[in-house]
PDB file of N, CA and C in Angstrom:
ATOM      1  N   MET A   1     -20.096  90.123   9.772  1.00  0.00           N
ATOM      2  CA  MET A   1     -18.999  90.849  10.385  1.00  0.00           C
ATOM      3  C   MET A   1     -18.136  89.879  11.204  1.00  0.00           C
ATOM      4  N   ALA A   2     -16.857  89.981  11.068  1.00  0.00           N
ATOM      5  CA  ALA A   2     -15.929  89.103  11.789  1.00  0.00           C
ATOM      6  C   ALA A   2     -15.975  89.398  13.287  1.00  0.00           C
ATOM      7  N   LYS A   3     -15.886  88.353  14.083  1.00  0.00           N
ATOM      8  CA  LYS A   3     -15.865  88.512  15.536  1.00  0.00           C
ATOM      9  C   LYS A   3     -14.471  88.844  16.047  1.00  0.00           C
ATOM     10  N   HIS A   4     -13.443  88.424  15.328  1.00  0.00           N
ATOM     11  CA  HIS A   4     -12.071  88.633  15.771  1.00  0.00           C
ATOM     12  C   HIS A   4     -11.428  89.775  14.997  1.00  0.00           C
ATOM     13  N   SER A   5     -10.543  90.476  15.664  1.00  0.00           N
ATOM     14  CA  SER A   5      -9.839  91.570  15.000  1.00  0.00           C
ATOM     15  C   SER A   5      -8.347  91.485  15.314  1.00  0.00           C
ATOM     16  N   HIS A   6      -7.577  91.900  14.367  1.00  0.00           N
ATOM     17  CA  HIS A   6      -6.124  91.959  14.530  1.00  0.00           C
ATOM     18  C   HIS A   6      -5.604  93.222  13.860  1.00  0.00           C
ATOM     19  N   SER A   7      -6.190  94.347  14.199  1.00  0.00           N
ATOM     20  CA  SER A   7      -5.840  95.588  13.513  1.00  0.00           C
ATOM     21  C   SER A   7      -4.555  96.223  14.035  1.00  0.00           C
ATOM     22  N   PHE A   8      -4.176  95.930  15.257  1.00  0.00           N
ATOM     23  CA  PHE A   8      -2.976  96.548  15.834  1.00  0.00           C
ATOM     24  C   PHE A   8      -1.753  96.285  14.969  1.00  0.00           C
ATOM     25  N   VAL A   9      -1.589  95.051  14.552  1.00  0.00           N
ATOM     26  CA  VAL A   9      -0.429  94.665  13.744  1.00  0.00           C
ATOM     27  C   VAL A   9      -0.412  95.404  12.409  1.00  0.00           C
ATOM     28  N   GLU A  10      -1.557  95.786  11.921  1.00  0.00           N
ATOM     29  CA  GLU A  10      -1.655  96.478  10.634  1.00  0.00           C
ATOM     30  C   GLU A  10      -1.448  97.983  10.747  1.00  0.00           C
ATOM     31  N   THR A  11      -1.674  98.538  11.930  1.00  0.00           N
ATOM     32  CA  THR A  11      -1.672  99.999  12.053  1.00  0.00           C
ATOM     33  C   THR A  11      -0.558 100.561  12.935  1.00  0.00           C
ATOM     34  N   PHE A  12       0.055  99.744  13.758  1.00  0.00           N
ATOM     35  CA  PHE A  12       1.075 100.241  14.689  1.00  0.00           C
ATOM     36  C   PHE A  12       2.313 100.704  13.931  1.00  0.00           C
ATOM     37  N   ASP A  13       2.781 101.907  14.249  1.00  0.00           N
ATOM     38  CA  ASP A  13       3.988 102.404  13.590  1.00  0.00           C
ATOM     39  C   ASP A  13       4.969 103.012  14.596  1.00  0.00           C
ATOM     40  N   GLY A  14       4.839 102.610  15.852  1.00  0.00           N
ATOM     41  CA  GLY A  14       5.722 103.123  16.887  1.00  0.00           C
ATOM     42  C   GLY A  14       6.939 102.248  17.100  1.00  0.00           C
ATOM     43  N   PHE A  15       7.587 102.462  18.218  1.00  0.00           N
ATOM     44  CA  PHE A  15       8.802 101.731  18.581  1.00  0.00           C
ATOM     45  C   PHE A  15       8.471 100.312  19.006  1.00  0.00           C
ATOM     46  N   LEU A  16       9.208  99.355  18.487  1.00  0.00           N
ATOM     47  CA  LEU A  16       9.108  97.969  18.927  1.00  0.00           C
ATOM     48  C   LEU A  16      10.420  97.569  19.564  1.00  0.00           C
ATOM     49  N   GLY A  17      10.325  96.988  20.714  1.00  0.00           N
ATOM     50  CA  GLY A  17      11.502  96.510  21.420  1.00  0.00           C
ATOM     51  C   GLY A  17      11.094  96.149  22.827  1.00  0.00           C
ATOM     52  N   TYR A  18      11.683  95.130  23.343  1.00  0.00           N
ATOM     53  CA  TYR A  18      11.305  94.657  24.668  1.00  0.00           C
ATOM     54  C   TYR A  18      12.396  95.006  25.672  1.00  0.00           C
ATOM     55  N   GLY A  19      11.978  95.502  26.835  1.00  0.00           N
ATOM     56  CA  GLY A  19      12.911  95.768  27.912  1.00  0.00           C
ATOM     57  C   GLY A  19      13.147  97.236  28.200  1.00  0.00           C
ATOM     58  N   LEU A  20      12.623  98.122  27.382  1.00  0.00           N
ATOM     59  CA  LEU A  20      12.840  99.552  27.595  1.00  0.00           C
ATOM     60  C   LEU A  20      11.879 100.120  28.630  1.00  0.00           C
ATOM     61  N   ASP A  21      10.593  99.905  28.434  1.00  0.00           N
ATOM     62  CA  ASP A  21       9.576 100.402  29.369  1.00  0.00           C
ATOM     63  C   ASP A  21       8.301  99.577  29.194  1.00  0.00           C
ATOM     64  N   ARG A  22       7.370  99.773  30.085  1.00  0.00           N
ATOM     65  CA  ARG A  22       6.139  98.977  30.083  1.00  0.00           C
ATOM     66  C   ARG A  22       5.348  99.152  28.779  1.00  0.00           C
ATOM     67  N   GLU A  23       5.199 100.386  28.303  1.00  0.00           N
ATOM     68  CA  GLU A  23       4.420 100.631  27.091  1.00  0.00           C
ATOM     69  C   GLU A  23       5.040  99.933  25.878  1.00  0.00           C
ATOM     70  N   SER A  24       6.344 100.042  25.727  1.00  0.00           N
ATOM     71  CA  SER A  24       7.019  99.360  24.614  1.00  0.00           C
ATOM     72  C   SER A  24       6.893  97.847  24.745  1.00  0.00           C
ATOM     73  N   ASN A  25       7.002  97.341  25.967  1.00  0.00           N
ATOM     74  CA  ASN A  25       6.840  95.902  26.195  1.00  0.00           C
ATOM     75  C   ASN A  25       5.445  95.441  25.779  1.00  0.00           C
ATOM     76  N   GLU A  26       4.413  96.190  26.209  1.00  0.00           N
ATOM     77  CA  GLU A  26       3.035  95.828  25.861  1.00  0.00           C
ATOM     78  C   GLU A  26       2.826  95.873  24.355  1.00  0.00           C
ATOM     79  N   ASN A  27       3.309  96.929  23.703  1.00  0.00           N
ATOM     80  CA  ASN A  27       3.155  97.047  22.254  1.00  0.00           C
ATOM     81  C   ASN A  27       3.861  95.913  21.524  1.00  0.00           C
ATOM     82  N   THR A  28       5.038  95.550  21.984  1.00  0.00           N
ATOM     83  CA  THR A  28       5.808  94.486  21.341  1.00  0.00           C
ATOM     84  C   THR A  28       5.114  93.142  21.501  1.00  0.00           C
ATOM     85  N   VAL A  29       4.641  92.843  22.705  1.00  0.00           N
ATOM     86  CA  VAL A  29       3.932  91.576  22.923  1.00  0.00           C
ATOM     87  C   VAL A  29       2.642  91.548  22.106  1.00  0.00           C
ATOM     88  N   HIS A  30       1.922  92.662  22.069  1.00  0.00           N
ATOM     89  CA  HIS A  30       0.691  92.763  21.293  1.00  0.00           C
ATOM     90  C   HIS A  30       0.969  92.440  19.824  1.00  0.00           C
ATOM     91  N   LEU A  31       1.955  93.076  19.266  1.00  0.00           N
ATOM     92  CA  LEU A  31       2.302  92.865  17.866  1.00  0.00           C
ATOM     93  C   LEU A  31       2.787  91.438  17.614  1.00  0.00           C
ATOM     94  N   TYR A  32       3.660  90.939  18.468  1.00  0.00           N
ATOM     95  CA  TYR A  32       4.175  89.573  18.300  1.00  0.00           C
ATOM     96  C   TYR A  32       3.039  88.544  18.330  1.00  0.00           C
ATOM     97  N   LEU A  33       2.115  88.691  19.275  1.00  0.00           N
ATOM     98  CA  LEU A  33       1.024  87.727  19.380  1.00  0.00           C
ATOM     99  C   LEU A  33       0.117  87.771  18.158  1.00  0.00           C
ATOM    100  N   GLN A  34      -0.146  88.979  17.641  1.00  0.00           N
ATOM    101  CA  GLN A  34      -0.977  89.057  16.448  1.00  0.00           C
ATOM    102  C   GLN A  34      -0.261  88.469  15.239  1.00  0.00           C
ATOM    103  N   LYS A  35       1.016  88.739  15.105  1.00  0.00           N
ATOM    104  CA  LYS A  35       1.775  88.160  13.993  1.00  0.00           C
ATOM    105  C   LYS A  35       1.876  86.636  14.154  1.00  0.00           C
ATOM    106  N   PHE A  36       2.074  86.184  15.377  1.00  0.00           N
ATOM    107  CA  PHE A  36       2.211  84.751  15.647  1.00  0.00           C
ATOM    108  C   PHE A  36       0.929  83.997  15.313  1.00  0.00           C
ATOM    109  N   SER A  37      -0.222  84.622  15.543  1.00  0.00           N
ATOM    110  CA  SER A  37      -1.498  83.939  15.323  1.00  0.00           C
ATOM    111  C   SER A  37      -1.973  83.985  13.877  1.00  0.00           C
ATOM    112  N   ASP A  38      -1.185  84.550  12.983  1.00  0.00           N
ATOM    113  CA  ASP A  38      -1.529  84.582  11.568  1.00  0.00           C
ATOM    114  C   ASP A  38      -1.811  83.161  11.068  1.00  0.00           C
ATOM    115  N   ASP A  39      -2.876  83.001  10.313  1.00  0.00           N
ATOM    116  CA  ASP A  39      -3.290  81.666   9.872  1.00  0.00           C
ATOM    117  C   ASP A  39      -2.202  80.913   9.101  1.00  0.00           C
ATOM    118  N   ARG A  40      -1.518  81.584   8.205  1.00  0.00           N
ATOM    119  CA  ARG A  40      -0.463  80.899   7.434  1.00  0.00           C
ATOM    120  C   ARG A  40       0.685  80.452   8.325  1.00  0.00           C
ATOM    121  N   LEU A  41       1.071  81.312   9.267  1.00  0.00           N
ATOM    122  CA  LEU A  41       2.144  80.939  10.190  1.00  0.00           C
ATOM    123  C   LEU A  41       1.711  79.768  11.067  1.00  0.00           C
ATOM    124  N   MET A  42       0.480  79.823  11.589  1.00  0.00           N
ATOM    125  CA  MET A  42      -0.005  78.731  12.435  1.00  0.00           C
ATOM    126  C   MET A  42      -0.048  77.414  11.680  1.00  0.00           C
ATOM    127  N   LYS A  43      -0.496  77.458  10.437  1.00  0.00           N
ATOM    128  CA  LYS A  43      -0.555  76.236   9.627  1.00  0.00           C
ATOM    129  C   LYS A  43       0.828  75.612   9.479  1.00  0.00           C
ATOM    130  N   THR A  44       1.846  76.438   9.383  1.00  0.00           N
ATOM    131  CA  THR A  44       3.228  75.957   9.231  1.00  0.00           C
ATOM    132  C   THR A  44       3.805  75.480  10.553  1.00  0.00           C
ATOM    133  N   ILE A  45       3.707  76.324  11.584  1.00  0.00           N
ATOM    134  CA  ILE A  45       4.426  76.035  12.826  1.00  0.00           C
ATOM    135  C   ILE A  45       3.762  74.939  13.661  1.00  0.00           C
ATOM    136  N   LEU A  46       2.436  74.864  13.652  1.00  0.00           N
ATOM    137  CA  LEU A  46       1.760  73.859  14.478  1.00  0.00           C
ATOM    138  C   LEU A  46       2.151  72.440  14.092  1.00  0.00           C
ATOM    139  N   LYS A  47       2.324  72.190  12.823  1.00  0.00           N
ATOM    140  CA  LYS A  47       2.714  70.845  12.362  1.00  0.00           C
ATOM    141  C   LYS A  47       4.123  70.475  12.811  1.00  0.00           C
ATOM    142  N   ARG A  48       4.934  71.469  13.116  1.00  0.00           N
ATOM    143  CA  ARG A  48       6.321  71.222  13.516  1.00  0.00           C
ATOM    144  C   ARG A  48       6.509  71.160  15.029  1.00  0.00           C
ATOM    145  N   MET A  49       5.527  71.617  15.753  1.00  0.00           N
ATOM    146  CA  MET A  49       5.633  71.641  17.215  1.00  0.00           C
ATOM    147  C   MET A  49       5.456  70.237  17.780  1.00  0.00           C
ATOM    148  N   THR A  50       6.190  69.960  18.843  1.00  0.00           N
ATOM    149  CA  THR A  50       6.043  68.684  19.526  1.00  0.00           C
ATOM    150  C   THR A  50       4.777  68.714  20.379  1.00  0.00           C
ATOM    151  N   ASP A  51       4.371  67.563  20.854  1.00  0.00           N
ATOM    152  CA  ASP A  51       3.228  67.509  21.762  1.00  0.00           C
ATOM    153  C   ASP A  51       3.509  68.336  23.012  1.00  0.00           C
ATOM    154  N   ASP A  52       4.745  68.287  23.493  1.00  0.00           N
ATOM    155  CA  ASP A  52       5.120  69.091  24.661  1.00  0.00           C
ATOM    156  C   ASP A  52       5.025  70.587  24.363  1.00  0.00           C
ATOM    157  N   ASP A  53       5.439  70.996  23.181  1.00  0.00           N
ATOM    158  CA  ASP A  53       5.321  72.403  22.783  1.00  0.00           C
ATOM    159  C   ASP A  53       3.863  72.839  22.768  1.00  0.00           C
ATOM    160  N   LEU A  54       3.011  72.031  22.144  1.00  0.00           N
ATOM    161  CA  LEU A  54       1.587  72.356  22.079  1.00  0.00           C
ATOM    162  C   LEU A  54       0.991  72.471  23.477  1.00  0.00           C
ATOM    163  N   ASN A  55       1.336  71.530  24.333  1.00  0.00           N
ATOM    164  CA  ASN A  55       0.841  71.541  25.698  1.00  0.00           C
ATOM    165  C   ASN A  55       1.298  72.795  26.440  1.00  0.00           C
ATOM    166  N   GLU A  56       2.549  73.169  26.264  1.00  0.00           N
ATOM    167  CA  GLU A  56       3.090  74.345  26.939  1.00  0.00           C
ATOM    168  C   GLU A  56       2.363  75.622  26.503  1.00  0.00           C
ATOM    169  N   VAL A  57       2.158  75.791  25.207  1.00  0.00           N
ATOM    170  CA  VAL A  57       1.448  76.968  24.715  1.00  0.00           C
ATOM    171  C   VAL A  57       0.018  76.983  25.256  1.00  0.00           C
ATOM    172  N   PHE A  58      -0.655  75.838  25.185  1.00  0.00           N
ATOM    173  CA  PHE A  58      -2.029  75.746  25.679  1.00  0.00           C
ATOM    174  C   PHE A  58      -2.100  76.079  27.170  1.00  0.00           C
ATOM    175  N   GLU A  59      -1.182  75.539  27.952  1.00  0.00           N
ATOM    176  CA  GLU A  59      -1.183  75.781  29.398  1.00  0.00           C
ATOM    177  C   GLU A  59      -0.921  77.253  29.734  1.00  0.00           C
ATOM    178  N   ILE A  60       0.000  77.881  29.033  1.00  0.00           N
ATOM    179  CA  ILE A  60       0.304  79.295  29.283  1.00  0.00           C
ATOM    180  C   ILE A  60      -0.908  80.157  28.970  1.00  0.00           C
ATOM    181  N   ILE A  61      -1.527  79.925  27.819  1.00  0.00           N
ATOM    182  CA  ILE A  61      -2.691  80.720  27.440  1.00  0.00           C
ATOM    183  C   ILE A  61      -3.842  80.486  28.407  1.00  0.00           C
ATOM    184  N   SER A  62      -4.090  79.236  28.758  1.00  0.00           N
ATOM    185  CA  SER A  62      -5.171  78.922  29.699  1.00  0.00           C
ATOM    186  C   SER A  62      -4.940  79.585  31.053  1.00  0.00           C
ATOM    187  N   LYS A  63      -3.702  79.541  31.536  1.00  0.00           N
ATOM    188  CA  LYS A  63      -3.371  80.172  32.816  1.00  0.00           C
ATOM    189  C   LYS A  63      -3.621  81.673  32.760  1.00  0.00           C
ATOM    190  N   MET A  64      -3.216  82.311  31.670  1.00  0.00           N
ATOM    191  CA  MET A  64      -3.413  83.753  31.537  1.00  0.00           C
ATOM    192  C   MET A  64      -4.900  84.104  31.494  1.00  0.00           C
ATOM    193  N   LEU A  65      -5.682  83.326  30.773  1.00  0.00           N
ATOM    194  CA  LEU A  65      -7.119  83.580  30.713  1.00  0.00           C
ATOM    195  C   LEU A  65      -7.755  83.465  32.090  1.00  0.00           C
ATOM    196  N   LYS A  66      -7.388  82.427  32.834  1.00  0.00           N
ATOM    197  CA  LYS A  66      -7.945  82.223  34.176  1.00  0.00           C
ATOM    198  C   LYS A  66      -7.488  83.287  35.159  1.00  0.00           C
ATOM    199  N   THR A  67      -6.259  83.751  35.007  1.00  0.00           N
ATOM    200  CA  THR A  67      -5.684  84.716  35.937  1.00  0.00           C
ATOM    201  C   THR A  67      -6.186  86.134  35.705  1.00  0.00           C
ATOM    202  N   TYR A  68      -6.316  86.536  34.459  1.00  0.00           N
ATOM    203  CA  TYR A  68      -6.536  87.947  34.156  1.00  0.00           C
ATOM    204  C   TYR A  68      -7.929  88.311  33.668  1.00  0.00           C
ATOM    205  N   LEU A  69      -8.791  87.309  33.430  1.00  0.00           N
ATOM    206  CA  LEU A  69     -10.152  87.605  33.001  1.00  0.00           C
ATOM    207  C   LEU A  69     -11.163  87.092  34.014  1.00  0.00           C
ATOM    208  N   THR A  70     -12.218  87.872  34.194  1.00  0.00           N
ATOM    209  CA  THR A  70     -13.349  87.380  34.969  1.00  0.00           C
ATOM    210  C   THR A  70     -14.107  86.381  34.106  1.00  0.00           C
ATOM    211  N   GLU A  71     -15.020  85.655  34.695  1.00  0.00           N
ATOM    212  CA  GLU A  71     -15.818  84.693  33.933  1.00  0.00           C
ATOM    213  C   GLU A  71     -16.605  85.379  32.801  1.00  0.00           C
ATOM    214  N   PRO A  72     -17.298  86.496  33.075  1.00  0.00           N
ATOM    215  CA  PRO A  72     -17.994  87.177  31.972  1.00  0.00           C
ATOM    216  C   PRO A  72     -17.033  87.683  30.891  1.00  0.00           C
ATOM    217  N   GLU A  73     -15.869  88.199  31.282  1.00  0.00           N
ATOM    218  CA  GLU A  73     -14.885  88.661  30.298  1.00  0.00           C
ATOM    219  C   GLU A  73     -14.392  87.510  29.432  1.00  0.00           C
ATOM    220  N   TYR A  74     -14.186  86.352  30.048  1.00  0.00           N
ATOM    221  CA  TYR A  74     -13.761  85.171  29.309  1.00  0.00           C
ATOM    222  C   TYR A  74     -14.785  84.832  28.224  1.00  0.00           C
ATOM    223  N   HIS A  75     -16.054  84.822  28.585  1.00  0.00           N
ATOM    224  CA  HIS A  75     -17.111  84.488  27.624  1.00  0.00           C
ATOM    225  C   HIS A  75     -17.260  85.571  26.556  1.00  0.00           C
ATOM    226  N   GLN A  76     -17.153  86.806  26.967  1.00  0.00           N
ATOM    227  CA  GLN A  76     -17.322  87.921  26.035  1.00  0.00           C
ATOM    228  C   GLN A  76     -16.105  88.115  25.139  1.00  0.00           C
ATOM    229  N   LEU A  77     -14.928  88.228  25.745  1.00  0.00           N
ATOM    230  CA  LEU A  77     -13.731  88.620  25.002  1.00  0.00           C
ATOM    231  C   LEU A  77     -13.017  87.461  24.316  1.00  0.00           C
ATOM    232  N   PHE A  78     -13.006  86.302  24.947  1.00  0.00           N
ATOM    233  CA  PHE A  78     -12.281  85.176  24.370  1.00  0.00           C
ATOM    234  C   PHE A  78     -13.209  84.272  23.548  1.00  0.00           C
ATOM    235  N   LEU A  79     -14.301  83.850  24.135  1.00  0.00           N
ATOM    236  CA  LEU A  79     -15.220  82.950  23.423  1.00  0.00           C
ATOM    237  C   LEU A  79     -16.116  83.677  22.432  1.00  0.00           C
ATOM    238  N   LYS A  80     -16.263  84.996  22.592  1.00  0.00           N
ATOM    239  CA  LYS A  80     -17.109  85.808  21.706  1.00  0.00           C
ATOM    240  C   LYS A  80     -18.548  85.323  21.698  1.00  0.00           C
ATOM    241  N   GLU A  81     -19.029  84.940  22.876  1.00  0.00           N
ATOM    242  CA  GLU A  81     -20.411  84.446  22.974  1.00  0.00           C
ATOM    243  C   GLU A  81     -21.368  85.623  22.839  1.00  0.00           C
ATOM    244  N   GLU A  82     -22.356  85.454  21.984  1.00  0.00           N
ATOM    245  CA  GLU A  82     -23.289  86.513  21.636  1.00  0.00           C
ATOM    246  C   GLU A  82     -23.994  87.113  22.850  1.00  0.00           C
ATOM    247  N   GLU A  83     -24.400  86.286  23.792  1.00  0.00           N
ATOM    248  CA  GLU A  83     -25.147  86.801  24.941  1.00  0.00           C
ATOM    249  C   GLU A  83     -24.306  87.716  25.826  1.00  0.00           C
ATOM    250  N   TYR A  84     -22.994  87.697  25.649  1.00  0.00           N
ATOM    251  CA  TYR A  84     -22.107  88.548  26.419  1.00  0.00           C
ATOM    252  C   TYR A  84     -21.658  89.779  25.628  1.00  0.00           C
ATOM    253  N   LEU A  85     -21.936  89.812  24.332  1.00  0.00           N
ATOM    254  CA  LEU A  85     -21.486  90.927  23.492  1.00  0.00           C
ATOM    255  C   LEU A  85     -22.411  92.116  23.593  1.00  0.00           C
TER     256      LEU A  85
END
């Protein structure tokens, strides 16, 4: 069984647009991030990104993980460590 899931992008059929309200913003970011992390897209875009681009993406994601997840949540939700599942 796969540890990662990206079902939102496959099933969402509501309004997409940023700036209208919090729920629409969350749904749009959720969908964009799942589409952005698609393996084929990553294979294409990562080779074109500069070192500065890669660093910026890594720093933003790392900051968000540190800011919004507890240590157990980080291990369970991000690292998918078995002892936390």
